[in-house]
Protein backbone atom coordinates (compact mmCIF):
# COMPACT_ATOMS: atom_id res chain seq x y z
CA MET A 1 139.46 -153.00 91.15
CA THR A 2 139.27 -156.39 89.31
CA PHE A 3 141.30 -159.03 88.90
CA THR A 4 143.72 -157.75 86.34
CA THR A 5 144.47 -154.67 88.29
CA THR A 6 145.40 -156.62 91.40
CA ALA A 7 146.18 -160.17 91.21
CA VAL A 8 148.32 -159.53 87.84
CA PRO A 9 150.43 -157.04 88.82
CA ALA A 10 150.85 -158.70 91.93
CA LEU A 11 151.93 -161.82 91.12
CA THR A 12 154.32 -160.15 88.42
CA GLY A 13 155.85 -158.34 90.98
CA LEU A 14 156.53 -161.20 92.74
CA ALA A 15 157.75 -163.39 90.27
CA THR A 16 159.95 -160.16 89.45
CA GLY A 17 161.19 -159.74 92.91
CA LEU A 18 162.18 -163.33 93.11
CA ALA A 19 163.97 -163.55 89.73
CA LEU A 20 166.12 -160.43 91.19
CA ILE A 21 167.39 -161.69 94.55
CA VAL A 22 167.44 -165.59 94.01
CA ALA A 23 171.22 -165.57 93.53
CA ILE A 24 174.31 -166.55 95.10
CA GLY A 25 175.34 -162.97 96.40
CA SER A 26 177.01 -161.29 99.43
CA GLN A 27 173.75 -161.08 101.47
CA ASN A 28 172.46 -164.54 100.20
CA ALA A 29 175.52 -166.17 101.43
CA TYR A 30 175.56 -164.68 104.91
CA VAL A 31 172.24 -165.23 105.77
CA LEU A 32 172.57 -169.03 104.64
CA ARG A 33 175.66 -169.42 106.86
CA LEU A 34 173.73 -167.52 109.97
CA GLY A 35 170.98 -169.67 109.18
CA ILE A 36 172.54 -173.13 109.73
CA SER A 37 175.13 -172.22 112.63
CA ASP A 38 172.49 -169.43 114.49
CA ARG A 39 169.67 -169.77 116.87
CA ARG A 40 166.14 -167.96 115.86
CA ARG A 41 166.63 -164.83 118.10
CA THR A 42 169.28 -163.62 116.27
CA VAL A 43 168.06 -164.82 112.48
CA LEU A 44 164.88 -163.30 113.01
CA PRO A 45 166.35 -159.78 113.16
CA VAL A 46 168.51 -160.72 110.31
CA VAL A 47 166.04 -161.47 107.37
CA LEU A 48 163.64 -158.65 108.97
CA VAL A 49 166.57 -156.15 108.00
CA CYS A 50 167.50 -157.82 104.84
CA ALA A 51 163.16 -157.72 103.50
CA LEU A 52 162.39 -154.31 105.09
CA SER A 53 165.73 -152.66 103.59
CA ASP A 54 164.28 -154.02 100.04
CA ALA A 55 161.05 -152.52 101.03
CA VAL A 56 162.46 -149.35 101.75
CA LEU A 57 164.95 -149.47 98.72
CA ILE A 58 162.09 -150.33 96.17
CA THR A 59 159.48 -147.62 97.26
CA ALA A 60 162.27 -145.10 97.13
CA GLY A 61 162.66 -146.19 93.39
CA VAL A 62 158.65 -145.66 92.83
CA VAL A 63 158.26 -142.30 94.49
CA GLY A 64 161.66 -141.43 92.25
CA VAL A 65 164.84 -141.41 94.05
CA GLY A 66 166.17 -143.80 91.16
CA SER A 67 166.77 -140.91 89.20
CA VAL A 68 168.63 -139.13 91.84
CA ILE A 69 170.77 -141.95 92.35
CA GLU A 70 171.30 -141.91 88.55
CA SER A 71 172.80 -138.18 88.66
CA ALA A 72 174.85 -138.36 91.29
CA PRO A 73 177.59 -141.11 90.38
CA SER A 74 180.24 -139.86 92.86
CA VAL A 75 177.93 -141.31 95.54
CA LEU A 76 177.84 -144.60 93.94
CA LEU A 77 181.63 -144.60 93.97
CA VAL A 78 182.13 -144.04 97.66
CA VAL A 79 179.69 -146.86 98.31
CA ARG A 80 181.60 -148.84 96.22
CA VAL A 81 184.84 -148.67 97.44
CA LEU A 82 183.90 -149.40 100.61
CA GLY A 83 181.45 -152.38 99.74
CA ALA A 84 184.37 -153.86 97.59
CA ALA A 85 186.98 -153.36 100.60
CA PHE A 86 184.38 -155.08 103.29
CA LEU A 87 183.43 -158.02 100.77
CA ILE A 88 187.11 -158.72 99.97
CA THR A 89 187.64 -158.84 103.92
CA TYR A 90 184.93 -160.83 104.94
CA GLY A 91 186.18 -163.08 102.32
CA ALA A 92 189.55 -163.35 103.70
CA LEU A 93 188.03 -163.86 107.41
CA ALA A 94 185.59 -166.63 105.47
CA ALA A 95 188.89 -168.54 103.91
CA ARG A 96 190.86 -168.46 107.44
CA SER A 97 187.57 -170.29 109.03
CA ALA A 98 187.93 -172.77 106.11
CA ALA A 99 191.34 -173.49 106.96
CA ARG A 100 190.13 -173.86 110.32
CA PRO A 101 187.65 -176.31 110.59
CA ALA A 102 187.54 -177.79 113.95
CA THR A 103 186.47 -174.10 115.01
CA LEU A 104 183.77 -174.87 112.89
CA VAL A 105 181.29 -177.71 114.35
CA PRO A 106 177.85 -176.06 114.83
CA ASP A 107 176.61 -175.63 118.62
CA ALA A 108 173.81 -174.30 119.93
CA THR A 109 175.79 -172.22 122.73
CA SER A 110 179.07 -171.65 121.13
CA SER A 111 178.55 -171.03 118.01
CA SER A 112 176.00 -168.06 117.84
CA VAL A 113 177.10 -165.05 116.38
CA PRO A 114 176.38 -161.75 118.73
CA LEU A 115 173.36 -159.87 117.54
CA ARG A 116 175.03 -156.19 117.38
CA ILE A 117 177.46 -158.30 114.89
CA ALA A 118 175.11 -160.10 113.15
CA MET A 119 173.17 -156.85 112.38
CA THR A 120 176.42 -154.51 111.75
CA THR A 121 177.09 -157.00 108.79
CA VAL A 122 174.06 -157.75 107.38
CA LEU A 123 173.33 -153.65 107.06
CA THR A 124 176.94 -153.38 105.98
CA LEU A 125 175.87 -156.04 103.16
CA THR A 126 173.07 -154.67 102.72
CA TRP A 127 173.58 -150.76 102.29
CA LEU A 128 177.28 -150.91 100.81
CA ASN A 129 176.48 -152.56 97.65
CA PRO A 130 176.17 -150.40 95.01
CA HIS A 131 174.50 -152.89 92.90
CA VAL A 132 171.33 -152.85 95.34
CA TYR A 133 170.77 -149.02 94.19
CA LEU A 134 171.04 -149.92 90.61
CA ASP A 135 169.10 -153.20 90.77
CA THR A 136 166.21 -152.61 93.45
CA VAL A 137 166.26 -148.64 93.34
CA VAL A 138 166.47 -147.93 89.69
CA PHE A 139 165.58 -150.92 87.95
CA LEU A 140 162.51 -152.36 90.06
CA GLY A 141 161.51 -148.85 90.80
CA SER A 142 161.29 -147.98 86.90
CA VAL A 143 159.41 -151.34 86.21
CA ALA A 144 156.79 -150.60 89.14
CA ASN A 145 156.47 -147.12 87.28
CA GLN A 146 156.23 -148.51 83.65
CA GLN A 147 152.82 -150.00 85.48
CA GLY A 148 149.23 -148.06 85.57
CA PRO A 149 148.93 -145.83 88.32
CA ASP A 150 146.20 -148.11 90.04
CA GLU A 151 148.64 -151.12 89.17
CA ARG A 152 152.05 -149.85 90.30
CA TRP A 153 151.57 -150.30 94.15
CA TRP A 154 150.02 -154.03 93.62
CA TRP A 155 153.17 -154.51 91.56
CA VAL A 156 155.46 -153.06 94.55
CA GLY A 157 153.23 -155.19 96.94
CA GLY A 158 154.10 -158.62 95.24
CA ALA A 159 157.95 -157.34 94.46
CA ILE A 160 158.13 -156.61 98.32
CA THR A 161 156.46 -159.78 99.18
CA ALA A 162 159.06 -161.58 97.34
CA SER A 163 161.94 -160.25 99.72
CA PHE A 164 160.16 -161.29 102.73
CA VAL A 165 159.41 -164.66 101.40
CA TRP A 166 162.72 -165.44 100.19
CA PHE A 167 164.68 -164.04 103.52
CA PHE A 168 162.22 -165.99 105.78
CA ALA A 169 162.83 -169.30 103.66
CA LEU A 170 166.21 -168.65 103.54
CA GLY A 171 167.23 -168.03 106.93
CA PHE A 172 165.02 -170.30 108.71
CA GLY A 173 164.91 -172.98 105.73
CA ALA A 174 168.63 -173.32 106.36
CA ARG A 175 168.12 -175.26 109.89
CA LEU A 176 167.14 -178.11 107.46
CA LEU A 177 170.92 -178.21 106.56
CA ARG A 178 172.12 -178.82 109.83
CA PRO A 179 172.48 -182.30 109.82
CA VAL A 180 174.89 -182.24 106.90
CA PHE A 181 176.80 -179.29 108.67
CA ALA A 182 177.14 -181.28 111.84
CA ARG A 183 180.74 -182.64 110.26
CA PRO A 184 183.44 -179.91 109.80
CA ARG A 185 184.34 -181.09 106.39
CA SER A 186 180.99 -179.53 105.40
CA TRP A 187 182.01 -176.37 107.08
CA GLN A 188 185.07 -176.17 105.34
CA VAL A 189 183.56 -176.59 102.22
CA LEU A 190 180.44 -173.66 102.75
CA ASP A 191 183.44 -171.16 104.15
CA ALA A 192 185.52 -171.96 101.28
CA LEU A 193 182.45 -170.97 98.88
CA ILE A 194 181.52 -167.65 101.05
CA ALA A 195 185.21 -166.52 100.51
CA VAL A 196 185.14 -166.98 96.75
CA VAL A 197 182.09 -165.68 96.60
CA MET A 198 182.78 -162.51 98.59
CA VAL A 199 186.46 -161.76 97.38
CA THR A 200 185.19 -162.23 93.39
CA LEU A 201 182.00 -159.83 94.22
CA GLY A 202 184.48 -157.50 95.96
CA VAL A 203 187.06 -157.74 93.16
CA ARG A 204 184.37 -157.04 90.34
CA MET A 205 183.15 -154.52 92.20
CA ALA A 206 186.34 -152.50 93.05
CA VAL A 207 187.44 -153.35 89.19
CA TRP A 208 184.25 -152.91 86.80
CA GLY A 209 181.82 -151.71 89.38
């Protein structure tokens, strides 16, 4: 193995993975809010679920699951409808929270989200999003398979590393924003933005796919 067949594909996969996931989306918005308000024992399993889900989906794309997804549009339709309904519902709940900022003051003991609810939410946001299959399985899988037989798994390793780096940085780095969110007004603005993101994505998913 040479530098060209190992480091270059790995770094390319890392850059491609980051370019795809570093964007304002439902999953990132939820991890950000959880990271600001919650304790590490909840944030850690959530970011692990996000990163491991990406790893599974990227690997699935490399081994050919992407072609199966492209040939089964009815499955994506069901996922789209369920995902859109969940996003709009979550957005409505975020809007309600934004209207009640007095309940949003972060507190280490009272604001902790139950692990079961956090895990259910992030799994739903991840696996009921049809774009995750198109972007991660189909797109990243096809790009990986354009690499040489020896280089593609280094590329996959880089893309998977991007997911781990991003979600851990987002989940645990969000704690640095806690002084800002000691004010209820900050929570009100954040929840309003999350509501807009969730509802917009949900409506777009329902209407345009």
